[in-house]
Amino acid sequence: MMSHSQLKEKALKKQSVRKEYETLEPEFNLLREMLKARNDAGLSQADVAERMGTKPPAITRLESSLTSGRHSPSIATLKKYAEAVGCHLEIKFVH
């Protein structure tokens, strides 16, 4: 049985998979940062939802939308999420 890292390495050898992975990389990075911030704050999705004035399914959709690449949350939503987990949102262009 293959480990996750072995499967990922094998899949990324295919040009089409690598291209799609690279396209979604910013979303995956953002999701990792969001989940880390929520976990570091010791909060559940329900806790974040309450702090944002919304319902838990909205937070589930927000976090899962970043892995699908089908929906990009607004900056206002990301700012609310950041504040709910005790962070601030910083967006920058990097060369």
N, C-alpha and C. Protein backbone atom coordinates (compact mmCIF):
# COMPACT_ATOMS: atom_id res chain seq x y z
N MET A 1 0.83 -1.18 0.00
CA MET A 1 0.00 0.00 0.00
C MET A 1 0.88 1.25 0.00
N MET A 2 0.50 2.22 -0.82
CA MET A 2 1.27 3.47 -0.93
C MET A 2 0.89 4.45 0.16
N SER A 3 1.88 5.20 0.62
CA SER A 3 1.60 6.28 1.56
C SER A 3 1.07 7.48 0.77
N HIS A 4 0.53 8.45 1.47
CA HIS A 4 0.03 9.66 0.81
C HIS A 4 1.15 10.34 0.03
N SER A 5 2.32 10.48 0.63
CA SER A 5 3.42 11.17 -0.04
C SER A 5 3.89 10.40 -1.28
N GLN A 6 3.89 9.06 -1.21
CA GLN A 6 4.28 8.27 -2.38
C GLN A 6 3.26 8.43 -3.50
N LEU A 7 1.99 8.40 -3.15
CA LEU A 7 0.92 8.56 -4.14
C LEU A 7 1.01 9.95 -4.78
N LYS A 8 1.23 10.98 -3.96
CA LYS A 8 1.35 12.34 -4.47
C LYS A 8 2.55 12.45 -5.42
N GLU A 9 3.68 11.88 -5.02
CA GLU A 9 4.88 11.92 -5.86
C GLU A 9 4.63 11.25 -7.20
N LYS A 10 3.98 10.11 -7.18
CA LYS A 10 3.67 9.38 -8.41
C LYS A 10 2.71 10.17 -9.31
N ALA A 11 1.68 10.74 -8.69
CA ALA A 11 0.69 11.50 -9.46
C ALA A 11 1.31 12.74 -10.08
N LEU A 12 2.18 13.42 -9.35
CA LEU A 12 2.78 14.66 -9.85
C LEU A 12 3.77 14.44 -10.99
N LYS A 13 4.13 13.19 -11.26
CA LYS A 13 4.99 12.90 -12.41
C LYS A 13 4.22 13.08 -13.72
N LYS A 14 2.89 13.03 -13.65
CA LYS A 14 2.05 13.25 -14.83
C LYS A 14 1.92 14.75 -15.03
N GLN A 15 2.24 15.21 -16.23
CA GLN A 15 2.22 16.64 -16.54
C GLN A 15 0.85 17.27 -16.27
N SER A 16 -0.22 16.60 -16.65
CA SER A 16 -1.56 17.18 -16.47
C SER A 16 -1.91 17.33 -14.99
N VAL A 17 -1.52 16.35 -14.19
CA VAL A 17 -1.78 16.41 -12.74
C VAL A 17 -0.93 17.52 -12.12
N ARG A 18 0.32 17.58 -12.51
CA ARG A 18 1.23 18.61 -11.96
C ARG A 18 0.70 20.01 -12.28
N LYS A 19 0.24 20.21 -13.51
CA LYS A 19 -0.27 21.53 -13.92
C LYS A 19 -1.48 21.92 -13.07
N GLU A 20 -2.41 21.00 -12.87
CA GLU A 20 -3.60 21.29 -12.08
C GLU A 20 -3.23 21.54 -10.61
N TYR A 21 -2.30 20.76 -10.11
CA TYR A 21 -1.83 20.93 -8.72
C TYR A 21 -1.22 22.32 -8.54
N GLU A 22 -0.39 22.72 -9.48
CA GLU A 22 0.25 24.03 -9.39
C GLU A 22 -0.77 25.16 -9.50
N THR A 23 -1.82 24.95 -10.31
CA THR A 23 -2.87 25.95 -10.44
C THR A 23 -3.59 26.15 -9.11
N LEU A 24 -3.82 25.06 -8.37
CA LEU A 24 -4.55 25.13 -7.10
C LEU A 24 -3.66 25.39 -5.89
N GLU A 25 -2.36 25.45 -6.09
CA GLU A 25 -1.43 25.60 -4.96
C GLU A 25 -1.73 26.80 -4.07
N PRO A 26 -2.06 28.00 -4.61
CA PRO A 26 -2.38 29.11 -3.71
C PRO A 26 -3.58 28.82 -2.81
N GLU A 27 -4.60 28.15 -3.35
CA GLU A 27 -5.76 27.81 -2.55
C GLU A 27 -5.41 26.81 -1.45
N PHE A 28 -4.59 25.81 -1.80
CA PHE A 28 -4.16 24.83 -0.79
C PHE A 28 -3.35 25.50 0.31
N ASN A 29 -2.48 26.43 -0.07
CA ASN A 29 -1.68 27.14 0.92
C ASN A 29 -2.57 27.97 1.84
N LEU A 30 -3.54 28.66 1.26
CA LEU A 30 -4.47 29.46 2.06
C LEU A 30 -5.25 28.57 3.01
N LEU A 31 -5.75 27.45 2.52
CA LEU A 31 -6.50 26.53 3.38
C LEU A 31 -5.64 26.03 4.52
N ARG A 32 -4.39 25.66 4.24
CA ARG A 32 -3.49 25.21 5.31
C ARG A 32 -3.32 26.29 6.37
N GLU A 33 -3.16 27.53 5.93
CA GLU A 33 -2.99 28.64 6.88
C GLU A 33 -4.26 28.85 7.70
N MET A 34 -5.42 28.76 7.04
CA MET A 34 -6.69 28.94 7.76
C MET A 34 -6.89 27.85 8.81
N LEU A 35 -6.65 26.60 8.42
CA LEU A 35 -6.84 25.49 9.35
C LEU A 35 -5.84 25.56 10.50
N LYS A 36 -4.61 25.96 10.20
CA LYS A 36 -3.60 26.10 11.24
C LYS A 36 -4.03 27.19 12.23
N ALA A 37 -4.49 28.32 11.72
CA ALA A 37 -4.91 29.42 12.59
C ALA A 37 -6.09 29.00 13.45
N ARG A 38 -7.05 28.29 12.86
CA ARG A 38 -8.23 27.83 13.62
C ARG A 38 -7.81 26.84 14.69
N ASN A 39 -6.95 25.90 14.33
CA ASN A 39 -6.48 24.90 15.29
C ASN A 39 -5.63 25.54 16.39
N ASP A 40 -4.75 26.48 16.01
CA ASP A 40 -3.92 27.17 16.99
C ASP A 40 -4.79 27.95 17.99
N ALA A 41 -5.92 28.46 17.51
CA ALA A 41 -6.84 29.20 18.38
C ALA A 41 -7.71 28.25 19.20
N GLY A 42 -7.63 26.94 18.89
CA GLY A 42 -8.43 25.95 19.63
C GLY A 42 -9.91 26.05 19.33
N LEU A 43 -10.24 26.45 18.10
CA LEU A 43 -11.64 26.66 17.73
C LEU A 43 -12.15 25.59 16.77
N SER A 44 -13.41 25.27 16.90
CA SER A 44 -14.09 24.38 15.95
C SER A 44 -14.68 25.24 14.84
N GLN A 45 -15.18 24.59 13.80
CA GLN A 45 -15.87 25.34 12.75
C GLN A 45 -17.09 26.05 13.33
N ALA A 46 -17.77 25.41 14.27
CA ALA A 46 -18.96 26.03 14.90
C ALA A 46 -18.55 27.27 15.68
N ASP A 47 -17.41 27.22 16.36
CA ASP A 47 -16.92 28.39 17.11
C ASP A 47 -16.65 29.56 16.15
N VAL A 48 -15.98 29.25 15.05
CA VAL A 48 -15.66 30.29 14.07
C VAL A 48 -16.95 30.85 13.48
N ALA A 49 -17.90 29.99 13.17
CA ALA A 49 -19.18 30.44 12.61
C ALA A 49 -19.87 31.41 13.57
N GLU A 50 -19.88 31.06 14.84
CA GLU A 50 -20.54 31.92 15.83
C GLU A 50 -19.85 33.29 15.87
N ARG A 51 -18.54 33.29 15.86
CA ARG A 51 -17.78 34.55 15.91
C ARG A 51 -17.98 35.39 14.65
N MET A 52 -18.25 34.70 13.53
CA MET A 52 -18.46 35.41 12.27
C MET A 52 -19.92 35.79 12.06
N GLY A 53 -20.79 35.31 12.94
CA GLY A 53 -22.21 35.61 12.80
C GLY A 53 -22.87 34.81 11.69
N THR A 54 -22.42 33.58 11.51
CA THR A 54 -22.98 32.71 10.48
C THR A 54 -23.20 31.32 11.07
N LYS A 55 -23.55 30.37 10.22
CA LYS A 55 -23.82 29.01 10.66
C LYS A 55 -22.64 28.09 10.31
N PRO A 56 -22.45 27.01 11.09
CA PRO A 56 -21.32 26.10 10.84
C PRO A 56 -21.20 25.59 9.40
N PRO A 57 -22.32 25.25 8.71
CA PRO A 57 -22.16 24.77 7.33
C PRO A 57 -21.48 25.79 6.41
N ALA A 58 -21.64 27.08 6.73
CA ALA A 58 -20.99 28.11 5.91
C ALA A 58 -19.47 28.03 6.05
N ILE A 59 -19.00 27.71 7.24
CA ILE A 59 -17.56 27.59 7.47
C ILE A 59 -17.04 26.32 6.79
N THR A 60 -17.81 25.25 6.86
CA THR A 60 -17.44 24.02 6.16
C THR A 60 -17.32 24.28 4.66
N ARG A 61 -18.30 25.00 4.09
CA ARG A 61 -18.26 25.33 2.66
C ARG A 61 -17.07 26.22 2.34
N LEU A 62 -16.80 27.20 3.21
CA LEU A 62 -15.67 28.10 2.99
C LEU A 62 -14.37 27.33 2.94
N GLU A 63 -14.14 26.50 3.93
CA GLU A 63 -12.89 25.74 3.97
C GLU A 63 -12.80 24.73 2.84
N SER A 64 -13.89 24.07 2.52
CA SER A 64 -13.84 23.06 1.45
C SER A 64 -13.79 23.69 0.06
N SER A 65 -14.30 24.92 -0.08
CA SER A 65 -14.28 25.56 -1.40
C SER A 65 -12.86 25.80 -1.88
N LEU A 66 -11.94 25.94 -0.96
CA LEU A 66 -10.56 26.20 -1.35
C LEU A 66 -9.89 24.97 -1.95
N THR A 67 -10.38 23.79 -1.64
CA THR A 67 -9.78 22.58 -2.21
C THR A 67 -10.40 22.22 -3.55
N SER A 68 -11.56 22.78 -3.85
CA SER A 68 -12.22 22.44 -5.11
C SER A 68 -11.81 23.38 -6.24
N GLY A 69 -11.38 24.60 -5.87
CA GLY A 69 -11.03 25.57 -6.89
C GLY A 69 -12.23 26.13 -7.62
N ARG A 70 -13.43 25.79 -7.16
CA ARG A 70 -14.65 26.24 -7.84
C ARG A 70 -15.15 27.57 -7.31
N HIS A 71 -14.72 27.97 -6.14
CA HIS A 71 -15.21 29.20 -5.54
C HIS A 71 -14.08 29.87 -4.79
N SER A 72 -13.93 31.15 -5.01
CA SER A 72 -12.93 31.92 -4.27
C SER A 72 -13.66 32.83 -3.30
N PRO A 73 -13.38 32.69 -2.01
CA PRO A 73 -14.03 33.55 -1.03
C PRO A 73 -13.60 35.00 -1.20
N SER A 74 -14.48 35.92 -0.82
CA SER A 74 -14.16 37.34 -0.93
C SER A 74 -13.11 37.72 0.12
N ILE A 75 -12.47 38.83 -0.11
CA ILE A 75 -11.50 39.33 0.85
C ILE A 75 -12.22 39.66 2.17
N ALA A 76 -13.43 40.19 2.08
CA ALA A 76 -14.19 40.51 3.29
C ALA A 76 -14.45 39.25 4.12
N THR A 77 -14.79 38.15 3.47
CA THR A 77 -15.03 36.89 4.17
C THR A 77 -13.74 36.38 4.81
N LEU A 78 -12.65 36.44 4.07
CA LEU A 78 -11.37 35.99 4.63
C LEU A 78 -10.95 36.86 5.81
N LYS A 79 -11.24 38.16 5.72
CA LYS A 79 -10.91 39.07 6.82
C LYS A 79 -11.72 38.70 8.07
N LYS A 80 -13.02 38.43 7.89
CA LYS A 80 -13.86 38.02 9.02
C LYS A 80 -13.36 36.73 9.64
N TYR A 81 -12.99 35.78 8.80
CA TYR A 81 -12.46 34.49 9.28
C TYR A 81 -11.19 34.74 10.09
N ALA A 82 -10.29 35.54 9.54
CA ALA A 82 -9.02 35.82 10.24
C ALA A 82 -9.30 36.44 11.60
N GLU A 83 -10.18 37.40 11.65
CA GLU A 83 -10.52 38.05 12.92
C GLU A 83 -11.15 37.06 13.90
N ALA A 84 -11.96 36.16 13.39
CA ALA A 84 -12.64 35.17 14.24
C ALA A 84 -11.65 34.21 14.90
N VAL A 85 -10.52 33.96 14.24
CA VAL A 85 -9.51 33.06 14.81
C VAL A 85 -8.36 33.83 15.45
N GLY A 86 -8.55 35.13 15.64
CA GLY A 86 -7.55 35.93 16.34
C GLY A 86 -6.35 36.34 15.50
N CYS A 87 -6.55 36.46 14.21
CA CYS A 87 -5.48 36.85 13.29
C CYS A 87 -5.90 38.08 12.51
N HIS A 88 -5.00 38.57 11.67
CA HIS A 88 -5.36 39.59 10.71
C HIS A 88 -4.98 39.07 9.33
N LEU A 89 -5.69 39.54 8.33
CA LEU A 89 -5.46 39.10 6.96
C LEU A 89 -4.40 39.97 6.32
N GLU A 90 -3.43 39.33 5.69
CA GLU A 90 -2.38 40.04 4.98
C GLU A 90 -2.29 39.45 3.59
N ILE A 91 -2.45 40.29 2.59
CA ILE A 91 -2.38 39.83 1.20
C ILE A 91 -1.24 40.59 0.53
N LYS A 92 -0.39 39.87 -0.19
CA LYS A 92 0.71 40.54 -0.86
C LYS A 92 1.06 39.84 -2.16
N PHE A 93 1.64 40.63 -3.05
CA PHE A 93 2.15 40.10 -4.30
C PHE A 93 3.63 39.83 -4.07
N VAL A 94 4.09 38.65 -4.49
CA VAL A 94 5.47 38.24 -4.27
C VAL A 94 6.14 37.93 -5.61
N HIS A 95 7.34 38.44 -5.80
CA HIS A 95 8.10 38.14 -7.02
C HIS A 95 8.92 36.91 -6.82
